[in-house]
Amino acid sequence: QDWRPWASVLARAVHNVDPARLLLLSGVDWGFDLSGFPLDHPNILYSTHVYPERGDGWWEAFGHLAGRVPLIAAEWGFAGDDPAWG
């Protein structure tokens, strides 16, 4: 619950210097959870980090942003015993 307000402060600080700057914003829980977003700021690319141990609550964590704001899976991986997941 603390990350969203801080992300807004930081985005505002960067955009006060360079309004066109593109920001890459990850969520909490090792970057996976973007459930408290989006922010009311322009030029943000939302970034999730997807790993099998984070579970399957993808819609709640970041799927709700799909089609609404720019969103990428900037990081993903798998355990050595399940390369098909990756």
PDB file of N, CA and C in Angstrom:
ATOM      1  N   GLN A   1       0.817  -1.202   0.000  1.00  0.00           N
ATOM      2  CA  GLN A   1       0.000   0.000   0.000  1.00  0.00           C
ATOM      3  C   GLN A   1       0.856   1.260   0.000  1.00  0.00           C
ATOM      4  N   ASP A   2       2.127   1.138   0.360  1.00  0.00           N
ATOM      5  CA  ASP A   2       3.008   2.309   0.374  1.00  0.00           C
ATOM      6  C   ASP A   2       3.623   2.628  -0.982  1.00  0.00           C
ATOM      7  N   TRP A   3       3.700   1.634  -1.865  1.00  0.00           N
ATOM      8  CA  TRP A   3       4.407   1.834  -3.123  1.00  0.00           C
ATOM      9  C   TRP A   3       3.682   2.786  -4.066  1.00  0.00           C
ATOM     10  N   ARG A   4       2.378   2.691  -4.185  1.00  0.00           N
ATOM     11  CA  ARG A   4       1.641   3.538  -5.132  1.00  0.00           C
ATOM     12  C   ARG A   4       1.858   5.033  -4.869  1.00  0.00           C
ATOM     13  N   PRO A   5       1.706   5.507  -3.627  1.00  0.00           N
ATOM     14  CA  PRO A   5       1.954   6.936  -3.399  1.00  0.00           C
ATOM     15  C   PRO A   5       3.401   7.351  -3.699  1.00  0.00           C
ATOM     16  N   TRP A   6       4.360   6.489  -3.361  1.00  0.00           N
ATOM     17  CA  TRP A   6       5.760   6.810  -3.655  1.00  0.00           C
ATOM     18  C   TRP A   6       6.018   6.803  -5.155  1.00  0.00           C
ATOM     19  N   ALA A   7       5.431   5.862  -5.867  1.00  0.00           N
ATOM     20  CA  ALA A   7       5.594   5.821  -7.326  1.00  0.00           C
ATOM     21  C   ALA A   7       5.055   7.102  -7.951  1.00  0.00           C
ATOM     22  N   SER A   8       3.964   7.602  -7.429  1.00  0.00           N
ATOM     23  CA  SER A   8       3.382   8.850  -7.936  1.00  0.00           C
ATOM     24  C   SER A   8       4.308  10.034  -7.668  1.00  0.00           C
ATOM     25  N   VAL A   9       4.866  10.106  -6.470  1.00  0.00           N
ATOM     26  CA  VAL A   9       5.811  11.182  -6.125  1.00  0.00           C
ATOM     27  C   VAL A   9       7.020  11.138  -7.049  1.00  0.00           C
ATOM     28  N   LEU A  10       7.561   9.944  -7.263  1.00  0.00           N
ATOM     29  CA  LEU A  10       8.749   9.807  -8.108  1.00  0.00           C
ATOM     30  C   LEU A  10       8.435  10.121  -9.567  1.00  0.00           C
ATOM     31  N   ALA A  11       7.290   9.661 -10.066  1.00  0.00           N
ATOM     32  CA  ALA A  11       6.903   9.961 -11.442  1.00  0.00           C
ATOM     33  C   ALA A  11       6.747  11.469 -11.631  1.00  0.00           C
ATOM     34  N   ARG A  12       6.111  12.117 -10.685  1.00  0.00           N
ATOM     35  CA  ARG A  12       5.928  13.571 -10.761  1.00  0.00           C
ATOM     36  C   ARG A  12       7.274  14.282 -10.763  1.00  0.00           C
ATOM     37  N   ALA A  13       8.196  13.836  -9.920  1.00  0.00           N
ATOM     38  CA  ALA A  13       9.522  14.464  -9.837  1.00  0.00           C
ATOM     39  C   ALA A  13      10.264  14.342 -11.168  1.00  0.00           C
ATOM     40  N   VAL A  14      10.238  13.183 -11.781  1.00  0.00           N
ATOM     41  CA  VAL A  14      10.914  12.989 -13.064  1.00  0.00           C
ATOM     42  C   VAL A  14      10.229  13.805 -14.146  1.00  0.00           C
ATOM     43  N   HIS A  15       8.894  13.767 -14.181  1.00  0.00           N
ATOM     44  CA  HIS A  15       8.170  14.485 -15.231  1.00  0.00           C
ATOM     45  C   HIS A  15       8.216  16.003 -15.047  1.00  0.00           C
ATOM     46  N   ASN A  16       8.501  16.483 -13.855  1.00  0.00           N
ATOM     47  CA  ASN A  16       8.721  17.923 -13.671  1.00  0.00           C
ATOM     48  C   ASN A  16       9.994  18.376 -14.366  1.00  0.00           C
ATOM     49  N   VAL A  17      10.976  17.496 -14.457  1.00  0.00           N
ATOM     50  CA  VAL A  17      12.230  17.801 -15.133  1.00  0.00           C
ATOM     51  C   VAL A  17      12.124  17.527 -16.634  1.00  0.00           C
ATOM     52  N   ASP A  18      11.491  16.405 -16.976  1.00  0.00           N
ATOM     53  CA  ASP A  18      11.371  16.002 -18.369  1.00  0.00           C
ATOM     54  C   ASP A  18      10.001  15.354 -18.593  1.00  0.00           C
ATOM     55  N   PRO A  19       9.008  16.157 -18.976  1.00  0.00           N
ATOM     56  CA  PRO A  19       7.637  15.652 -19.116  1.00  0.00           C
ATOM     57  C   PRO A  19       7.481  14.524 -20.130  1.00  0.00           C
ATOM     58  N   ALA A  20       8.381  14.427 -21.092  1.00  0.00           N
ATOM     59  CA  ALA A  20       8.267  13.399 -22.121  1.00  0.00           C
ATOM     60  C   ALA A  20       8.985  12.104 -21.757  1.00  0.00           C
ATOM     61  N   ARG A  21       9.669  12.096 -20.645  1.00  0.00           N
ATOM     62  CA  ARG A  21      10.449  10.914 -20.256  1.00  0.00           C
ATOM     63  C   ARG A  21       9.541   9.713 -20.022  1.00  0.00           C
ATOM     64  N   LEU A  22       9.877   8.573 -20.631  1.00  0.00           N
ATOM     65  CA  LEU A  22       9.148   7.334 -20.428  1.00  0.00           C
ATOM     66  C   LEU A  22       9.674   6.656 -19.163  1.00  0.00           C
ATOM     67  N   LEU A  23       8.761   6.313 -18.268  1.00  0.00           N
ATOM     68  CA  LEU A  23       9.125   5.654 -17.022  1.00  0.00           C
ATOM     69  C   LEU A  23       8.723   4.181 -17.077  1.00  0.00           C
ATOM     70  N   LEU A  24       9.556   3.329 -16.570  1.00  0.00           N
ATOM     71  CA  LEU A  24       9.268   1.904 -16.436  1.00  0.00           C
ATOM     72  C   LEU A  24       8.939   1.665 -14.971  1.00  0.00           C
ATOM     73  N   LEU A  25       7.706   1.244 -14.694  1.00  0.00           N
ATOM     74  CA  LEU A  25       7.248   1.108 -13.316  1.00  0.00           C
ATOM     75  C   LEU A  25       6.854  -0.335 -13.031  1.00  0.00           C
ATOM     76  N   SER A  26       7.534  -0.949 -12.079  1.00  0.00           N
ATOM     77  CA  SER A  26       7.212  -2.302 -11.632  1.00  0.00           C
ATOM     78  C   SER A  26       6.377  -2.238 -10.373  1.00  0.00           C
ATOM     79  N   GLY A  27       5.764  -3.362 -10.069  1.00  0.00           N
ATOM     80  CA  GLY A  27       4.922  -3.445  -8.877  1.00  0.00           C
ATOM     81  C   GLY A  27       5.681  -3.952  -7.664  1.00  0.00           C
ATOM     82  N   VAL A  28       4.938  -4.410  -6.690  1.00  0.00           N
ATOM     83  CA  VAL A  28       5.510  -4.990  -5.472  1.00  0.00           C
ATOM     84  C   VAL A  28       5.572  -6.509  -5.635  1.00  0.00           C
ATOM     85  N   ASP A  29       6.028  -7.194  -4.627  1.00  0.00           N
ATOM     86  CA  ASP A  29       6.186  -8.652  -4.646  1.00  0.00           C
ATOM     87  C   ASP A  29       7.133  -9.041  -5.784  1.00  0.00           C
ATOM     88  N   TRP A  30       8.357  -8.512  -5.702  1.00  0.00           N
ATOM     89  CA  TRP A  30       9.406  -8.752  -6.699  1.00  0.00           C
ATOM     90  C   TRP A  30       9.006  -8.244  -8.082  1.00  0.00           C
ATOM     91  N   GLY A  31       8.178  -7.195  -8.130  1.00  0.00           N
ATOM     92  CA  GLY A  31       7.779  -6.585  -9.390  1.00  0.00           C
ATOM     93  C   GLY A  31       6.526  -7.174 -10.016  1.00  0.00           C
ATOM     94  N   PHE A  32       5.978  -8.230  -9.436  1.00  0.00           N
ATOM     95  CA  PHE A  32       4.843  -8.957 -10.023  1.00  0.00           C
ATOM     96  C   PHE A  32       3.521  -8.205  -9.896  1.00  0.00           C
ATOM     97  N   ASP A  33       3.249  -7.648  -8.740  1.00  0.00           N
ATOM     98  CA  ASP A  33       1.913  -7.162  -8.379  1.00  0.00           C
ATOM     99  C   ASP A  33       1.728  -5.674  -8.671  1.00  0.00           C
ATOM    100  N   LEU A  34       0.947  -5.394  -9.687  1.00  0.00           N
ATOM    101  CA  LEU A  34       0.595  -4.022 -10.061  1.00  0.00           C
ATOM    102  C   LEU A  34      -0.875  -3.735  -9.744  1.00  0.00           C
ATOM    103  N   SER A  35      -1.394  -4.388  -8.722  1.00  0.00           N
ATOM    104  CA  SER A  35      -2.825  -4.292  -8.437  1.00  0.00           C
ATOM    105  C   SER A  35      -3.276  -2.893  -8.032  1.00  0.00           C
ATOM    106  N   GLY A  36      -2.419  -2.051  -7.533  1.00  0.00           N
ATOM    107  CA  GLY A  36      -2.824  -0.708  -7.132  1.00  0.00           C
ATOM    108  C   GLY A  36      -2.688   0.336  -8.214  1.00  0.00           C
ATOM    109  N   PHE A  37      -2.484  -0.074  -9.443  1.00  0.00           N
ATOM    110  CA  PHE A  37      -2.199   0.848 -10.526  1.00  0.00           C
ATOM    111  C   PHE A  37      -3.281   0.747 -11.590  1.00  0.00           C
ATOM    112  N   PRO A  38      -3.416   1.712 -12.488  1.00  0.00           N
ATOM    113  CA  PRO A  38      -2.420   2.663 -12.939  1.00  0.00           C
ATOM    114  C   PRO A  38      -2.429   3.966 -12.146  1.00  0.00           C
ATOM    115  N   LEU A  39      -1.383   4.738 -12.390  1.00  0.00           N
ATOM    116  CA  LEU A  39      -1.292   6.089 -11.847  1.00  0.00           C
ATOM    117  C   LEU A  39      -1.929   7.055 -12.839  1.00  0.00           C
ATOM    118  N   ASP A  40      -2.233   8.240 -12.356  1.00  0.00           N
ATOM    119  CA  ASP A  40      -2.757   9.284 -13.229  1.00  0.00           C
ATOM    120  C   ASP A  40      -1.583  10.142 -13.711  1.00  0.00           C
ATOM    121  N   HIS A  41      -0.672   9.507 -14.415  1.00  0.00           N
ATOM    122  CA  HIS A  41       0.510  10.173 -14.977  1.00  0.00           C
ATOM    123  C   HIS A  41       0.705   9.647 -16.395  1.00  0.00           C
ATOM    124  N   PRO A  42       1.196  10.506 -17.295  1.00  0.00           N
ATOM    125  CA  PRO A  42       1.469  10.046 -18.661  1.00  0.00           C
ATOM    126  C   PRO A  42       2.826   9.341 -18.736  1.00  0.00           C
ATOM    127  N   ASN A  43       3.075   8.722 -19.859  1.00  0.00           N
ATOM    128  CA  ASN A  43       4.393   8.188 -20.203  1.00  0.00           C
ATOM    129  C   ASN A  43       4.934   7.175 -19.198  1.00  0.00           C
ATOM    130  N   ILE A  44       4.081   6.243 -18.795  1.00  0.00           N
ATOM    131  CA  ILE A  44       4.506   5.160 -17.908  1.00  0.00           C
ATOM    132  C   ILE A  44       4.268   3.830 -18.607  1.00  0.00           C
ATOM    133  N   LEU A  45       5.292   3.010 -18.624  1.00  0.00           N
ATOM    134  CA  LEU A  45       5.207   1.645 -19.108  1.00  0.00           C
ATOM    135  C   LEU A  45       5.218   0.748 -17.869  1.00  0.00           C
ATOM    136  N   TYR A  46       4.129   0.036 -17.639  1.00  0.00           N
ATOM    137  CA  TYR A  46       3.997  -0.818 -16.464  1.00  0.00           C
ATOM    138  C   TYR A  46       4.672  -2.157 -16.750  1.00  0.00           C
ATOM    139  N   SER A  47       5.468  -2.602 -15.797  1.00  0.00           N
ATOM    140  CA  SER A  47       6.308  -3.775 -15.978  1.00  0.00           C
ATOM    141  C   SER A  47       6.034  -4.799 -14.886  1.00  0.00           C
ATOM    142  N   THR A  48       5.668  -6.008 -15.291  1.00  0.00           N
ATOM    143  CA  THR A  48       5.491  -7.074 -14.321  1.00  0.00           C
ATOM    144  C   THR A  48       6.622  -8.079 -14.460  1.00  0.00           C
ATOM    145  N   HIS A  49       6.895  -8.800 -13.394  1.00  0.00           N
ATOM    146  CA  HIS A  49       7.899  -9.869 -13.382  1.00  0.00           C
ATOM    147  C   HIS A  49       7.171 -11.153 -13.005  1.00  0.00           C
ATOM    148  N   VAL A  50       7.117 -12.092 -13.925  1.00  0.00           N
ATOM    149  CA  VAL A  50       6.279 -13.279 -13.775  1.00  0.00           C
ATOM    150  C   VAL A  50       7.140 -14.522 -13.547  1.00  0.00           C
ATOM    151  N   TYR A  51       6.909 -15.184 -12.431  1.00  0.00           N
ATOM    152  CA  TYR A  51       7.583 -16.433 -12.076  1.00  0.00           C
ATOM    153  C   TYR A  51       6.543 -17.391 -11.514  1.00  0.00           C
ATOM    154  N   PRO A  52       6.739 -18.687 -11.674  1.00  0.00           N
ATOM    155  CA  PRO A  52       5.717 -19.638 -11.232  1.00  0.00           C
ATOM    156  C   PRO A  52       5.417 -19.559  -9.734  1.00  0.00           C
ATOM    157  N   GLU A  53       6.391 -19.252  -8.919  1.00  0.00           N
ATOM    158  CA  GLU A  53       6.134 -19.193  -7.472  1.00  0.00           C
ATOM    159  C   GLU A  53       5.259 -18.013  -7.062  1.00  0.00           C
ATOM    160  N   ARG A  54       4.968 -17.097  -7.981  1.00  0.00           N
ATOM    161  CA  ARG A  54       4.075 -15.980  -7.684  1.00  0.00           C
ATOM    162  C   ARG A  54       2.604 -16.399  -7.783  1.00  0.00           C
ATOM    163  N   GLY A  55       2.346 -17.592  -8.290  1.00  0.00           N
ATOM    164  CA  GLY A  55       0.971 -18.080  -8.357  1.00  0.00           C
ATOM    165  C   GLY A  55       0.306 -17.730  -9.674  1.00  0.00           C
ATOM    166  N   ASP A  56      -0.998 -17.969  -9.709  1.00  0.00           N
ATOM    167  CA  ASP A  56      -1.728 -17.762 -10.958  1.00  0.00           C
ATOM    168  C   ASP A  56      -2.743 -16.622 -10.881  1.00  0.00           C
ATOM    169  N   GLY A  57      -2.598 -15.720  -9.942  1.00  0.00           N
ATOM    170  CA  GLY A  57      -3.497 -14.574  -9.832  1.00  0.00           C
ATOM    171  C   GLY A  57      -3.086 -13.445 -10.756  1.00  0.00           C
ATOM    172  N   TRP A  58      -2.856 -13.784 -12.006  1.00  0.00           N
ATOM    173  CA  TRP A  58      -2.352 -12.810 -12.953  1.00  0.00           C
ATOM    174  C   TRP A  58      -3.322 -11.673 -13.211  1.00  0.00           C
ATOM    175  N   TRP A  59      -4.614 -11.958 -13.294  1.00  0.00           N
ATOM    176  CA  TRP A  59      -5.582 -10.894 -13.576  1.00  0.00           C
ATOM    177  C   TRP A  59      -5.539  -9.834 -12.482  1.00  0.00           C
ATOM    178  N   GLU A  60      -5.563 -10.267 -11.241  1.00  0.00           N
ATOM    179  CA  GLU A  60      -5.557  -9.336 -10.116  1.00  0.00           C
ATOM    180  C   GLU A  60      -4.231  -8.581 -10.034  1.00  0.00           C
ATOM    181  N   ALA A  61      -3.133  -9.256 -10.350  1.00  0.00           N
ATOM    182  CA  ALA A  61      -1.811  -8.644 -10.213  1.00  0.00           C
ATOM    183  C   ALA A  61      -1.494  -7.655 -11.326  1.00  0.00           C
ATOM    184  N   PHE A  62      -1.824  -7.992 -12.565  1.00  0.00           N
ATOM    185  CA  PHE A  62      -1.493  -7.087 -13.672  1.00  0.00           C
ATOM    186  C   PHE A  62      -2.437  -7.184 -14.869  1.00  0.00           C
ATOM    187  N   GLY A  63      -3.197  -8.238 -14.997  1.00  0.00           N
ATOM    188  CA  GLY A  63      -4.063  -8.419 -16.156  1.00  0.00           C
ATOM    189  C   GLY A  63      -5.112  -7.341 -16.319  1.00  0.00           C
ATOM    190  N   HIS A  64      -5.554  -6.779 -15.192  1.00  0.00           N
ATOM    191  CA  HIS A  64      -6.562  -5.714 -15.256  1.00  0.00           C
ATOM    192  C   HIS A  64      -6.058  -4.477 -15.991  1.00  0.00           C
ATOM    193  N   LEU A  65      -4.738  -4.359 -16.161  1.00  0.00           N
ATOM    194  CA  LEU A  65      -4.167  -3.217 -16.878  1.00  0.00           C
ATOM    195  C   LEU A  65      -4.111  -3.436 -18.392  1.00  0.00           C
ATOM    196  N   ALA A  66      -4.167  -4.689 -18.811  1.00  0.00           N
ATOM    197  CA  ALA A  66      -4.033  -5.015 -20.231  1.00  0.00           C
ATOM    198  C   ALA A  66      -5.117  -4.301 -21.042  1.00  0.00           C
ATOM    199  N   GLY A  67      -4.699  -3.683 -22.122  1.00  0.00           N
ATOM    200  CA  GLY A  67      -5.629  -2.964 -22.982  1.00  0.00           C
ATOM    201  C   GLY A  67      -5.963  -1.571 -22.489  1.00  0.00           C
ATOM    202  N   ARG A  68      -5.525  -1.235 -21.283  1.00  0.00           N
ATOM    203  CA  ARG A  68      -5.802   0.099 -20.721  1.00  0.00           C
ATOM    204  C   ARG A  68      -4.573   0.989 -20.733  1.00  0.00           C
ATOM    205  N   VAL A  69      -3.419   0.395 -20.424  1.00  0.00           N
ATOM    206  CA  VAL A  69      -2.159   1.134 -20.354  1.00  0.00           C
ATOM    207  C   VAL A  69      -1.058   0.257 -20.954  1.00  0.00           C
ATOM    208  N   PRO A  70       0.076   0.843 -21.339  1.00  0.00           N
ATOM    209  CA  PRO A  70       1.186   0.028 -21.821  1.00  0.00           C
ATOM    210  C   PRO A  70       1.675  -0.908 -20.705  1.00  0.00           C
ATOM    211  N   LEU A  71       1.825  -2.190 -21.045  1.00  0.00           N
ATOM    212  CA  LEU A  71       2.168  -3.207 -20.055  1.00  0.00           C
ATOM    213  C   LEU A  71       3.079  -4.243 -20.701  1.00  0.00           C
ATOM    214  N   ILE A  72       4.176  -4.599 -20.013  1.00  0.00           N
ATOM    215  CA  ILE A  72       5.064  -5.645 -20.509  1.00  0.00           C
ATOM    216  C   ILE A  72       5.441  -6.586 -19.365  1.00  0.00           C
ATOM    217  N   ALA A  73       5.801  -7.791 -19.735  1.00  0.00           N
ATOM    218  CA  ALA A  73       6.441  -8.715 -18.803  1.00  0.00           C
ATOM    219  C   ALA A  73       7.931  -8.564 -19.054  1.00  0.00           C
ATOM    220  N   ALA A  74       8.578  -7.724 -18.268  1.00  0.00           N
ATOM    221  CA  ALA A  74       9.980  -7.404 -18.480  1.00  0.00           C
ATOM    222  C   ALA A  74      10.901  -8.487 -17.940  1.00  0.00           C
ATOM    223  N   GLU A  75      10.353  -9.352 -17.125  1.00  0.00           N
ATOM    224  CA  GLU A  75      11.162 -10.400 -16.527  1.00  0.00           C
ATOM    225  C   GLU A  75      10.274 -11.615 -16.319  1.00  0.00           C
ATOM    226  N   TRP A  76      10.759 -12.784 -16.647  1.00  0.00           N
ATOM    227  CA  TRP A  76      10.035 -14.028 -16.377  1.00  0.00           C
ATOM    228  C   TRP A  76      11.043 -15.152 -16.284  1.00  0.00           C
ATOM    229  N   GLY A  77      10.642 -16.213 -15.673  1.00  0.00           N
ATOM    230  CA  GLY A  77      11.541 -17.344 -15.523  1.00  0.00           C
ATOM    231  C   GLY A  77      10.817 -18.550 -14.977  1.00  0.00           C
ATOM    232  N   PHE A  78      11.589 -19.570 -14.665  1.00  0.00           N
ATOM    233  CA  PHE A  78      11.018 -20.819 -14.193  1.00  0.00           C
ATOM    234  C   PHE A  78      12.062 -21.564 -13.375  1.00  0.00           C
ATOM    235  N   ALA A  79      11.608 -22.528 -12.638  1.00  0.00           N
ATOM    236  CA  ALA A  79      12.510 -23.378 -11.873  1.00  0.00           C
ATOM    237  C   ALA A  79      13.155 -24.376 -12.818  1.00  0.00           C
ATOM    238  N   GLY A  80      14.310 -24.883 -12.452  1.00  0.00           N
ATOM    239  CA  GLY A  80      15.034 -25.801 -13.302  1.00  0.00           C
ATOM    240  C   GLY A  80      14.284 -27.070 -13.648  1.00  0.00           C
ATOM    241  N   ASP A  81      13.316 -27.438 -12.823  1.00  0.00           N
ATOM    242  CA  ASP A  81      12.576 -28.681 -13.069  1.00  0.00           C
ATOM    243  C   ASP A  81      11.336 -28.471 -13.943  1.00  0.00           C
ATOM    244  N   ASP A  82      11.082 -27.255 -14.417  1.00  0.00           N
ATOM    245  CA  ASP A  82       9.898 -27.012 -15.245  1.00  0.00           C
ATOM    246  C   ASP A  82      10.196 -26.006 -16.352  1.00  0.00           C
ATOM    247  N   PRO A  83      11.126 -26.340 -17.274  1.00  0.00           N
ATOM    248  CA  PRO A  83      11.450 -25.377 -18.332  1.00  0.00           C
ATOM    249  C   PRO A  83      10.289 -25.112 -19.280  1.00  0.00           C
ATOM    250  N   ALA A  84       9.311 -25.997 -19.354  1.00  0.00           N
ATOM    251  CA  ALA A  84       8.160 -25.751 -20.232  1.00  0.00           C
ATOM    252  C   ALA A  84       7.357 -24.547 -19.749  1.00  0.00           C
ATOM    253  N   TRP A  85       7.336 -24.293 -18.430  1.00  0.00           N
ATOM    254  CA  TRP A  85       6.607 -23.136 -17.907  1.00  0.00           C
ATOM    255  C   TRP A  85       7.193 -21.852 -18.514  1.00  0.00           C
ATOM    256  N   GLY A  86       8.486 -21.754 -18.554  1.00  0.00           N
ATOM    257  CA  GLY A  86       9.147 -20.558 -19.094  1.00  0.00           C
ATOM    258  C   GLY A  86       8.916 -20.379 -20.565  1.00  0.00           C
TER     259      GLY A  86
END
